[in-house]
Protein backbone atom coordinates (compact mmCIF):
# COMPACT_ATOMS: atom_id res chain seq x y z
CA UNK A 1 0.00 0.00 0.00
CA UNK A 2 1.39 3.40 -0.98
CA UNK A 3 1.60 6.35 1.41
CA UNK A 4 -1.33 8.05 -0.33
CA UNK A 5 -3.40 4.86 -0.12
CA UNK A 6 -2.65 4.73 3.62
CA UNK A 7 -3.74 8.37 3.97
CA UNK A 8 -6.92 7.64 2.03
CA UNK A 9 -7.64 4.63 4.20
CA UNK A 10 -7.17 6.71 7.37
CA UNK A 11 -9.48 9.43 6.03
CA UNK A 12 -12.14 6.88 5.08
CA UNK A 13 -11.95 5.28 8.52
CA UNK A 14 -12.37 8.71 10.16
CA UNK A 15 -15.57 9.44 8.19
CA UNK A 16 -18.43 7.84 10.15
CA UNK A 17 -20.97 8.09 7.33
CA UNK A 18 -18.69 6.51 4.77
CA UNK A 19 -17.66 3.75 7.18
CA UNK A 20 -21.32 3.04 7.97
CA UNK A 21 -22.02 2.59 4.26
CA UNK A 22 -18.93 0.42 3.69
CA UNK A 23 -19.63 -1.79 6.69
CA UNK A 24 -23.28 -2.26 5.80
CA UNK A 25 -22.61 -2.99 2.12
CA UNK A 26 -19.83 -5.45 2.97
CA UNK A 27 -22.42 -7.51 4.84
CA UNK A 28 -24.65 -7.78 1.76
CA UNK A 29 -22.33 -10.01 -0.27
CA UNK A 30 -22.56 -8.01 -3.52
CA UNK A 31 -20.23 -9.03 -6.31
CA UNK A 32 -17.32 -6.80 -7.34
CA UNK A 33 -18.57 -3.76 -5.43
CA UNK A 34 -17.05 -0.36 -4.65
CA UNK A 35 -18.18 2.92 -3.17
CA UNK A 36 -16.80 5.61 -5.44
CA UNK A 37 -16.95 9.14 -6.72
CA UNK A 38 -18.27 11.94 -4.49
CA UNK A 39 -18.36 10.19 -1.14
CA UNK A 40 -14.69 9.28 -1.55
CA UNK A 41 -13.10 12.37 -3.12
CA UNK A 42 -15.21 14.70 -0.98
CA UNK A 43 -14.10 12.88 2.16
CA UNK A 44 -10.47 13.51 1.15
CA UNK A 45 -11.10 17.14 0.23
CA UNK A 46 -12.80 17.69 3.58
CA UNK A 47 -9.84 16.21 5.45
CA UNK A 48 -7.28 18.18 3.46
CA UNK A 49 -9.15 21.48 3.86
CA UNK A 50 -10.13 20.99 7.51
CA UNK A 51 -13.85 20.66 6.89
CA UNK A 52 -15.93 18.21 8.93
CA UNK A 53 -16.49 14.68 7.70
CA UNK A 54 -19.60 14.51 5.55
CA UNK A 55 -19.47 18.14 4.41
CA UNK A 56 -20.81 18.41 0.86
CA UNK A 57 -21.63 14.70 0.55
CA UNK A 58 -25.01 14.36 -1.11
CA UNK A 59 -24.95 10.65 -1.84
CA UNK A 60 -22.92 7.46 -1.75
CA UNK A 61 -22.43 5.93 -5.19
CA UNK A 62 -22.32 2.16 -4.94
CA UNK A 63 -21.31 0.17 -7.98
CA UNK A 64 -21.37 -3.60 -8.26
CA UNK A 65 -21.06 -5.97 -11.19
CA UNK A 66 -23.59 -8.64 -12.11
CA UNK A 67 -23.65 -10.12 -15.64
CA UNK A 68 -27.46 -10.28 -15.41
CA UNK A 69 -28.20 -6.93 -17.08
CA UNK A 70 -31.95 -7.07 -16.65
CA UNK A 71 -33.62 -4.17 -14.88
CA UNK A 72 -35.44 -6.65 -12.65
CA UNK A 73 -32.17 -8.08 -11.31
CA UNK A 74 -30.76 -4.62 -10.60
CA UNK A 75 -34.01 -3.55 -8.94
CA UNK A 76 -33.78 -6.51 -6.55
CA UNK A 77 -30.31 -5.34 -5.49
CA UNK A 78 -31.41 -1.70 -5.18
CA UNK A 79 -34.27 -2.74 -2.90
CA UNK A 80 -32.02 -5.06 -0.88
CA UNK A 81 -29.48 -2.31 -0.31
CA UNK A 82 -32.20 0.20 0.62
CA UNK A 83 -33.66 -2.26 3.15
CA UNK A 84 -30.24 -2.55 4.83
CA UNK A 85 -30.19 1.16 5.73
CA UNK A 86 -32.27 3.49 7.87
CA UNK A 87 -32.93 7.07 6.73
CA UNK A 88 -31.14 9.22 5.74
CA UNK A 89 -28.72 6.64 4.32
CA UNK A 90 -31.54 4.70 2.70
CA UNK A 91 -32.12 7.64 0.37
CA UNK A 92 -28.44 8.52 -0.02
CA UNK A 93 -26.97 5.21 -1.20
CA UNK A 94 -27.35 5.07 -4.99
CA UNK A 95 -26.82 1.60 -6.44
CA UNK A 96 -25.93 0.80 -10.05
CA UNK A 97 -24.98 -2.46 -11.71
CA UNK A 98 -21.92 -1.49 -13.73
CA UNK A 99 -22.71 -4.25 -16.24
CA UNK A 100 -25.83 -2.26 -17.23
CA UNK A 101 -24.38 1.24 -17.60
CA UNK A 102 -23.81 0.93 -21.35
CA UNK A 103 -27.57 0.31 -21.78
CA UNK A 104 -28.64 3.74 -20.48
CA UNK A 105 -25.60 6.03 -20.41
CA UNK A 106 -25.89 7.49 -23.91
CA UNK A 107 -29.59 8.24 -23.48
CA UNK A 108 -28.95 10.06 -20.21
CA UNK A 109 -25.62 11.79 -20.93
CA UNK A 110 -25.46 11.93 -24.73
CA UNK A 111 -22.17 10.03 -24.92
CA UNK A 112 -21.51 6.48 -26.07
CA UNK A 113 -20.36 3.99 -23.45
CA UNK A 114 -18.89 0.58 -24.16
CA UNK A 115 -19.85 -2.34 -21.95
CA UNK A 116 -17.64 -2.91 -18.91
CA UNK A 117 -15.97 -6.11 -17.74
CA UNK A 118 -15.93 -5.13 -14.06
CA UNK A 119 -16.65 -2.35 -11.59
CA UNK A 120 -13.10 -1.00 -11.34
CA UNK A 121 -13.01 -0.54 -15.12
CA UNK A 122 -15.72 2.11 -14.77
CA UNK A 123 -13.40 4.39 -12.80
CA UNK A 124 -11.20 5.04 -15.86
CA UNK A 125 -14.23 6.61 -17.56
CA UNK A 126 -15.14 9.13 -14.86
CA UNK A 127 -15.02 12.79 -15.89
CA UNK A 128 -11.93 13.65 -13.80
CA UNK A 129 -9.02 11.67 -12.30
CA UNK A 130 -9.86 13.07 -8.84
CA UNK A 131 -13.32 11.50 -9.11
CA UNK A 132 -11.98 8.13 -10.29
CA UNK A 133 -11.34 6.61 -6.88
CA UNK A 134 -13.22 3.70 -5.35
CA UNK A 135 -12.95 1.93 -2.01
CA UNK A 136 -14.20 -1.32 -0.53
CA UNK A 137 -14.09 -2.64 3.03
CA UNK A 138 -12.69 -6.14 2.72
CA UNK A 139 -13.57 -9.11 4.93
CA UNK A 140 -10.32 -8.63 6.89
CA UNK A 141 -11.26 -4.96 7.55
CA UNK A 142 -8.64 -3.69 5.09
CA UNK A 143 -9.75 -0.87 2.82
CA UNK A 144 -8.87 -1.68 -0.76
CA UNK A 145 -8.44 1.21 -3.17
CA UNK A 146 -8.95 1.35 -6.93
CA UNK A 147 -7.61 4.51 -8.59
CA UNK A 148 -6.61 4.12 -12.26
CA UNK A 149 -5.10 7.64 -12.35
CA UNK A 150 -3.51 7.42 -8.92
CA UNK A 151 -4.26 9.62 -5.95
CA UNK A 152 -2.16 12.72 -6.62
CA UNK A 153 -5.06 14.82 -7.98
CA UNK A 154 -7.41 13.98 -5.15
CA UNK A 155 -4.85 14.95 -2.49
CA UNK A 156 -3.59 18.05 -4.30
CA UNK A 157 -7.19 19.28 -4.74
CA UNK A 158 -6.72 19.29 -8.51
CA UNK A 159 -9.63 18.97 -10.88
CA UNK A 160 -8.76 18.24 -14.50
CA UNK A 161 -10.58 16.45 -17.31
CA UNK A 162 -10.02 12.74 -17.75
CA UNK A 163 -7.25 12.43 -20.38
CA UNK A 164 -8.64 9.07 -21.60
CA UNK A 165 -11.96 10.42 -22.82
CA UNK A 166 -13.36 13.49 -24.48
CA UNK A 167 -14.42 16.42 -22.36
CA UNK A 168 -17.55 15.41 -20.50
CA UNK A 169 -20.73 17.26 -21.29
CA UNK A 170 -21.50 19.45 -18.34
CA UNK A 171 -17.81 19.92 -17.42
CA UNK A 172 -18.35 23.59 -16.58
CA UNK A 173 -21.27 22.69 -14.27
CA UNK A 174 -19.16 20.00 -12.56
CA UNK A 175 -16.36 22.51 -11.95
CA UNK A 176 -18.74 25.20 -10.70
CA UNK A 177 -20.44 22.80 -8.26
CA UNK A 178 -17.13 21.54 -6.87
CA UNK A 179 -15.56 25.00 -6.60
CA UNK A 180 -18.65 26.36 -4.80
CA UNK A 181 -18.05 23.89 -1.96
CA UNK A 182 -14.23 23.69 -2.10
CA UNK A 183 -12.92 27.03 -3.40
CA UNK A 184 -9.36 25.82 -2.70
CA UNK A 185 -9.48 23.57 -5.77
CA UNK A 186 -7.03 24.03 -8.58
CA UNK A 187 -8.86 23.71 -11.88
CA UNK A 188 -6.93 22.65 -14.95
CA UNK A 189 -9.13 23.67 -17.82
CA UNK A 190 -9.14 21.68 -21.05
CA UNK A 191 -8.09 23.11 -24.36
CA UNK A 192 -11.28 24.02 -26.16
CA UNK A 193 -11.57 24.05 -29.91
C-alpha atoms as a PDB file:
ATOM      1  CA  UNK A   1       0.000   0.000   0.000  1.00  0.00           C
ATOM      2  CA  UNK A   2       1.389   3.397  -0.977  1.00  0.00           C
ATOM      3  CA  UNK A   3       1.603   6.345   1.411  1.00  0.00           C
ATOM      4  CA  UNK A   4      -1.329   8.054  -0.332  1.00  0.00           C
ATOM      5  CA  UNK A   5      -3.402   4.860  -0.118  1.00  0.00           C
ATOM      6  CA  UNK A   6      -2.653   4.735   3.621  1.00  0.00           C
ATOM      7  CA  UNK A   7      -3.737   8.372   3.968  1.00  0.00           C
ATOM      8  CA  UNK A   8      -6.916   7.644   2.027  1.00  0.00           C
ATOM      9  CA  UNK A   9      -7.643   4.628   4.197  1.00  0.00           C
ATOM     10  CA  UNK A  10      -7.168   6.706   7.366  1.00  0.00           C
ATOM     11  CA  UNK A  11      -9.478   9.429   6.026  1.00  0.00           C
ATOM     12  CA  UNK A  12     -12.142   6.883   5.078  1.00  0.00           C
ATOM     13  CA  UNK A  13     -11.953   5.276   8.521  1.00  0.00           C
ATOM     14  CA  UNK A  14     -12.366   8.710  10.160  1.00  0.00           C
ATOM     15  CA  UNK A  15     -15.566   9.436   8.193  1.00  0.00           C
ATOM     16  CA  UNK A  16     -18.432   7.843  10.154  1.00  0.00           C
ATOM     17  CA  UNK A  17     -20.970   8.087   7.327  1.00  0.00           C
ATOM     18  CA  UNK A  18     -18.686   6.509   4.767  1.00  0.00           C
ATOM     19  CA  UNK A  19     -17.659   3.752   7.178  1.00  0.00           C
ATOM     20  CA  UNK A  20     -21.315   3.043   7.970  1.00  0.00           C
ATOM     21  CA  UNK A  21     -22.024   2.594   4.262  1.00  0.00           C
ATOM     22  CA  UNK A  22     -18.925   0.422   3.688  1.00  0.00           C
ATOM     23  CA  UNK A  23     -19.633  -1.791   6.694  1.00  0.00           C
ATOM     24  CA  UNK A  24     -23.282  -2.260   5.795  1.00  0.00           C
ATOM     25  CA  UNK A  25     -22.611  -2.992   2.123  1.00  0.00           C
ATOM     26  CA  UNK A  26     -19.829  -5.450   2.971  1.00  0.00           C
ATOM     27  CA  UNK A  27     -22.415  -7.513   4.841  1.00  0.00           C
ATOM     28  CA  UNK A  28     -24.654  -7.782   1.758  1.00  0.00           C
ATOM     29  CA  UNK A  29     -22.329 -10.008  -0.272  1.00  0.00           C
ATOM     30  CA  UNK A  30     -22.560  -8.012  -3.520  1.00  0.00           C
ATOM     31  CA  UNK A  31     -20.231  -9.033  -6.312  1.00  0.00           C
ATOM     32  CA  UNK A  32     -17.316  -6.803  -7.339  1.00  0.00           C
ATOM     33  CA  UNK A  33     -18.575  -3.759  -5.428  1.00  0.00           C
ATOM     34  CA  UNK A  34     -17.046  -0.359  -4.647  1.00  0.00           C
ATOM     35  CA  UNK A  35     -18.177   2.925  -3.168  1.00  0.00           C
ATOM     36  CA  UNK A  36     -16.795   5.606  -5.438  1.00  0.00           C
ATOM     37  CA  UNK A  37     -16.948   9.137  -6.717  1.00  0.00           C
ATOM     38  CA  UNK A  38     -18.271  11.943  -4.487  1.00  0.00           C
ATOM     39  CA  UNK A  39     -18.357  10.192  -1.142  1.00  0.00           C
ATOM     40  CA  UNK A  40     -14.690   9.278  -1.555  1.00  0.00           C
ATOM     41  CA  UNK A  41     -13.104  12.369  -3.119  1.00  0.00           C
ATOM     42  CA  UNK A  42     -15.212  14.698  -0.975  1.00  0.00           C
ATOM     43  CA  UNK A  43     -14.097  12.877   2.156  1.00  0.00           C
ATOM     44  CA  UNK A  44     -10.472  13.509   1.154  1.00  0.00           C
ATOM     45  CA  UNK A  45     -11.101  17.142   0.231  1.00  0.00           C
ATOM     46  CA  UNK A  46     -12.801  17.694   3.582  1.00  0.00           C
ATOM     47  CA  UNK A  47      -9.845  16.205   5.453  1.00  0.00           C
ATOM     48  CA  UNK A  48      -7.279  18.181   3.457  1.00  0.00           C
ATOM     49  CA  UNK A  49      -9.151  21.482   3.861  1.00  0.00           C
ATOM     50  CA  UNK A  50     -10.126  20.992   7.508  1.00  0.00           C
ATOM     51  CA  UNK A  51     -13.850  20.662   6.891  1.00  0.00           C
ATOM     52  CA  UNK A  52     -15.931  18.213   8.933  1.00  0.00           C
ATOM     53  CA  UNK A  53     -16.493  14.676   7.705  1.00  0.00           C
ATOM     54  CA  UNK A  54     -19.597  14.506   5.550  1.00  0.00           C
ATOM     55  CA  UNK A  55     -19.465  18.141   4.408  1.00  0.00           C
ATOM     56  CA  UNK A  56     -20.813  18.412   0.855  1.00  0.00           C
ATOM     57  CA  UNK A  57     -21.631  14.703   0.554  1.00  0.00           C
ATOM     58  CA  UNK A  58     -25.008  14.357  -1.112  1.00  0.00           C
ATOM     59  CA  UNK A  59     -24.948  10.650  -1.840  1.00  0.00           C
ATOM     60  CA  UNK A  60     -22.921   7.463  -1.748  1.00  0.00           C
ATOM     61  CA  UNK A  61     -22.435   5.927  -5.191  1.00  0.00           C
ATOM     62  CA  UNK A  62     -22.316   2.158  -4.938  1.00  0.00           C
ATOM     63  CA  UNK A  63     -21.309   0.169  -7.984  1.00  0.00           C
ATOM     64  CA  UNK A  64     -21.373  -3.595  -8.257  1.00  0.00           C
ATOM     65  CA  UNK A  65     -21.063  -5.975 -11.189  1.00  0.00           C
ATOM     66  CA  UNK A  66     -23.594  -8.638 -12.113  1.00  0.00           C
ATOM     67  CA  UNK A  67     -23.648 -10.115 -15.642  1.00  0.00           C
ATOM     68  CA  UNK A  68     -27.462 -10.279 -15.412  1.00  0.00           C
ATOM     69  CA  UNK A  69     -28.201  -6.933 -17.079  1.00  0.00           C
ATOM     70  CA  UNK A  70     -31.952  -7.074 -16.649  1.00  0.00           C
ATOM     71  CA  UNK A  71     -33.624  -4.167 -14.883  1.00  0.00           C
ATOM     72  CA  UNK A  72     -35.435  -6.646 -12.647  1.00  0.00           C
ATOM     73  CA  UNK A  73     -32.166  -8.077 -11.308  1.00  0.00           C
ATOM     74  CA  UNK A  74     -30.763  -4.617 -10.596  1.00  0.00           C
ATOM     75  CA  UNK A  75     -34.009  -3.552  -8.942  1.00  0.00           C
ATOM     76  CA  UNK A  76     -33.779  -6.507  -6.553  1.00  0.00           C
ATOM     77  CA  UNK A  77     -30.309  -5.338  -5.487  1.00  0.00           C
ATOM     78  CA  UNK A  78     -31.414  -1.697  -5.181  1.00  0.00           C
ATOM     79  CA  UNK A  79     -34.273  -2.743  -2.904  1.00  0.00           C
ATOM     80  CA  UNK A  80     -32.022  -5.062  -0.882  1.00  0.00           C
ATOM     81  CA  UNK A  81     -29.476  -2.310  -0.305  1.00  0.00           C
ATOM     82  CA  UNK A  82     -32.196   0.196   0.621  1.00  0.00           C
ATOM     83  CA  UNK A  83     -33.660  -2.259   3.149  1.00  0.00           C
ATOM     84  CA  UNK A  84     -30.236  -2.547   4.830  1.00  0.00           C
ATOM     85  CA  UNK A  85     -30.186   1.163   5.726  1.00  0.00           C
ATOM     86  CA  UNK A  86     -32.268   3.490   7.868  1.00  0.00           C
ATOM     87  CA  UNK A  87     -32.927   7.072   6.727  1.00  0.00           C
ATOM     88  CA  UNK A  88     -31.136   9.223   5.736  1.00  0.00           C
ATOM     89  CA  UNK A  89     -28.723   6.645   4.320  1.00  0.00           C
ATOM     90  CA  UNK A  90     -31.543   4.699   2.696  1.00  0.00           C
ATOM     91  CA  UNK A  91     -32.125   7.639   0.368  1.00  0.00           C
ATOM     92  CA  UNK A  92     -28.440   8.524  -0.023  1.00  0.00           C
ATOM     93  CA  UNK A  93     -26.973   5.215  -1.204  1.00  0.00           C
ATOM     94  CA  UNK A  94     -27.351   5.071  -4.989  1.00  0.00           C
ATOM     95  CA  UNK A  95     -26.823   1.604  -6.436  1.00  0.00           C
ATOM     96  CA  UNK A  96     -25.929   0.799 -10.047  1.00  0.00           C
ATOM     97  CA  UNK A  97     -24.977  -2.463 -11.709  1.00  0.00           C
ATOM     98  CA  UNK A  98     -21.925  -1.488 -13.735  1.00  0.00           C
ATOM     99  CA  UNK A  99     -22.707  -4.254 -16.237  1.00  0.00           C
ATOM    100  CA  UNK A 100     -25.834  -2.263 -17.226  1.00  0.00           C
ATOM    101  CA  UNK A 101     -24.377   1.245 -17.602  1.00  0.00           C
ATOM    102  CA  UNK A 102     -23.811   0.932 -21.345  1.00  0.00           C
ATOM    103  CA  UNK A 103     -27.566   0.312 -21.776  1.00  0.00           C
ATOM    104  CA  UNK A 104     -28.638   3.744 -20.482  1.00  0.00           C
ATOM    105  CA  UNK A 105     -25.601   6.034 -20.415  1.00  0.00           C
ATOM    106  CA  UNK A 106     -25.889   7.492 -23.909  1.00  0.00           C
ATOM    107  CA  UNK A 107     -29.586   8.237 -23.482  1.00  0.00           C
ATOM    108  CA  UNK A 108     -28.946  10.062 -20.210  1.00  0.00           C
ATOM    109  CA  UNK A 109     -25.616  11.790 -20.934  1.00  0.00           C
ATOM    110  CA  UNK A 110     -25.458  11.928 -24.729  1.00  0.00           C
ATOM    111  CA  UNK A 111     -22.165  10.027 -24.920  1.00  0.00           C
ATOM    112  CA  UNK A 112     -21.509   6.484 -26.072  1.00  0.00           C
ATOM    113  CA  UNK A 113     -20.365   3.993 -23.454  1.00  0.00           C
ATOM    114  CA  UNK A 114     -18.889   0.579 -24.157  1.00  0.00           C
ATOM    115  CA  UNK A 115     -19.851  -2.341 -21.947  1.00  0.00           C
ATOM    116  CA  UNK A 116     -17.640  -2.908 -18.907  1.00  0.00           C
ATOM    117  CA  UNK A 117     -15.973  -6.115 -17.744  1.00  0.00           C
ATOM    118  CA  UNK A 118     -15.933  -5.128 -14.056  1.00  0.00           C
ATOM    119  CA  UNK A 119     -16.653  -2.352 -11.588  1.00  0.00           C
ATOM    120  CA  UNK A 120     -13.099  -1.005 -11.336  1.00  0.00           C
ATOM    121  CA  UNK A 121     -13.008  -0.543 -15.119  1.00  0.00           C
ATOM    122  CA  UNK A 122     -15.725   2.110 -14.771  1.00  0.00           C
ATOM    123  CA  UNK A 123     -13.401   4.389 -12.805  1.00  0.00           C
ATOM    124  CA  UNK A 124     -11.195   5.039 -15.858  1.00  0.00           C
ATOM    125  CA  UNK A 125     -14.234   6.608 -17.563  1.00  0.00           C
ATOM    126  CA  UNK A 126     -15.138   9.132 -14.858  1.00  0.00           C
ATOM    127  CA  UNK A 127     -15.021  12.790 -15.890  1.00  0.00           C
ATOM    128  CA  UNK A 128     -11.929  13.648 -13.805  1.00  0.00           C
ATOM    129  CA  UNK A 129      -9.023  11.674 -12.295  1.00  0.00           C
ATOM    130  CA  UNK A 130      -9.859  13.074  -8.842  1.00  0.00           C
ATOM    131  CA  UNK A 131     -13.321  11.500  -9.112  1.00  0.00           C
ATOM    132  CA  UNK A 132     -11.977   8.128 -10.287  1.00  0.00           C
ATOM    133  CA  UNK A 133     -11.340   6.609  -6.878  1.00  0.00           C
ATOM    134  CA  UNK A 134     -13.219   3.695  -5.348  1.00  0.00           C
ATOM    135  CA  UNK A 135     -12.950   1.934  -2.007  1.00  0.00           C
ATOM    136  CA  UNK A 136     -14.195  -1.317  -0.530  1.00  0.00           C
ATOM    137  CA  UNK A 137     -14.088  -2.640   3.027  1.00  0.00           C
ATOM    138  CA  UNK A 138     -12.695  -6.141   2.724  1.00  0.00           C
ATOM    139  CA  UNK A 139     -13.574  -9.109   4.925  1.00  0.00           C
ATOM    140  CA  UNK A 140     -10.319  -8.635   6.887  1.00  0.00           C
ATOM    141  CA  UNK A 141     -11.264  -4.961   7.548  1.00  0.00           C
ATOM    142  CA  UNK A 142      -8.643  -3.687   5.092  1.00  0.00           C
ATOM    143  CA  UNK A 143      -9.752  -0.867   2.824  1.00  0.00           C
ATOM    144  CA  UNK A 144      -8.869  -1.682  -0.756  1.00  0.00           C
ATOM    145  CA  UNK A 145      -8.435   1.206  -3.172  1.00  0.00           C
ATOM    146  CA  UNK A 146      -8.949   1.354  -6.929  1.00  0.00           C
ATOM    147  CA  UNK A 147      -7.610   4.512  -8.594  1.00  0.00           C
ATOM    148  CA  UNK A 148      -6.615   4.122 -12.264  1.00  0.00           C
ATOM    149  CA  UNK A 149      -5.104   7.636 -12.353  1.00  0.00           C
ATOM    150  CA  UNK A 150      -3.505   7.422  -8.924  1.00  0.00           C
ATOM    151  CA  UNK A 151      -4.265   9.621  -5.948  1.00  0.00           C
ATOM    152  CA  UNK A 152      -2.161  12.722  -6.625  1.00  0.00           C
ATOM    153  CA  UNK A 153      -5.064  14.819  -7.983  1.00  0.00           C
ATOM    154  CA  UNK A 154      -7.414  13.982  -5.146  1.00  0.00           C
ATOM    155  CA  UNK A 155      -4.854  14.945  -2.489  1.00  0.00           C
ATOM    156  CA  UNK A 156      -3.593  18.045  -4.296  1.00  0.00           C
ATOM    157  CA  UNK A 157      -7.187  19.280  -4.741  1.00  0.00           C
ATOM    158  CA  UNK A 158      -6.720  19.290  -8.510  1.00  0.00           C
ATOM    159  CA  UNK A 159      -9.628  18.967 -10.882  1.00  0.00           C
ATOM    160  CA  UNK A 160      -8.760  18.236 -14.504  1.00  0.00           C
ATOM    161  CA  UNK A 161     -10.576  16.446 -17.309  1.00  0.00           C
ATOM    162  CA  UNK A 162     -10.022  12.737 -17.747  1.00  0.00           C
ATOM    163  CA  UNK A 163      -7.255  12.427 -20.385  1.00  0.00           C
ATOM    164  CA  UNK A 164      -8.638   9.074 -21.596  1.00  0.00           C
ATOM    165  CA  UNK A 165     -11.956  10.419 -22.824  1.00  0.00           C
ATOM    166  CA  UNK A 166     -13.363  13.489 -24.476  1.00  0.00           C
ATOM    167  CA  UNK A 167     -14.419  16.416 -22.359  1.00  0.00           C
ATOM    168  CA  UNK A 168     -17.554  15.406 -20.500  1.00  0.00           C
ATOM    169  CA  UNK A 169     -20.731  17.265 -21.285  1.00  0.00           C
ATOM    170  CA  UNK A 170     -21.498  19.455 -18.338  1.00  0.00           C
ATOM    171  CA  UNK A 171     -17.809  19.917 -17.416  1.00  0.00           C
ATOM    172  CA  UNK A 172     -18.355  23.588 -16.576  1.00  0.00           C
ATOM    173  CA  UNK A 173     -21.265  22.689 -14.269  1.00  0.00           C
ATOM    174  CA  UNK A 174     -19.158  19.996 -12.556  1.00  0.00           C
ATOM    175  CA  UNK A 175     -16.362  22.513 -11.950  1.00  0.00           C
ATOM    176  CA  UNK A 176     -18.742  25.203 -10.697  1.00  0.00           C
ATOM    177  CA  UNK A 177     -20.437  22.798  -8.261  1.00  0.00           C
ATOM    178  CA  UNK A 178     -17.131  21.539  -6.873  1.00  0.00           C
ATOM    179  CA  UNK A 179     -15.558  24.995  -6.596  1.00  0.00           C
ATOM    180  CA  UNK A 180     -18.653  26.363  -4.799  1.00  0.00           C
ATOM    181  CA  UNK A 181     -18.052  23.893  -1.963  1.00  0.00           C
ATOM    182  CA  UNK A 182     -14.235  23.687  -2.104  1.00  0.00           C
ATOM    183  CA  UNK A 183     -12.915  27.033  -3.404  1.00  0.00           C
ATOM    184  CA  UNK A 184      -9.363  25.819  -2.700  1.00  0.00           C
ATOM    185  CA  UNK A 185      -9.483  23.570  -5.765  1.00  0.00           C
ATOM    186  CA  UNK A 186      -7.028  24.027  -8.580  1.00  0.00           C
ATOM    187  CA  UNK A 187      -8.859  23.705 -11.881  1.00  0.00           C
ATOM    188  CA  UNK A 188      -6.925  22.647 -14.950  1.00  0.00           C
ATOM    189  CA  UNK A 189      -9.128  23.670 -17.822  1.00  0.00           C
ATOM    190  CA  UNK A 190      -9.140  21.684 -21.053  1.00  0.00           C
ATOM    191  CA  UNK A 191      -8.090  23.110 -24.356  1.00  0.00           C
ATOM    192  CA  UNK A 192     -11.277  24.021 -26.162  1.00  0.00           C
ATOM    193  CA  UNK A 193     -11.570  24.049 -29.907  1.00  0.00           C
END
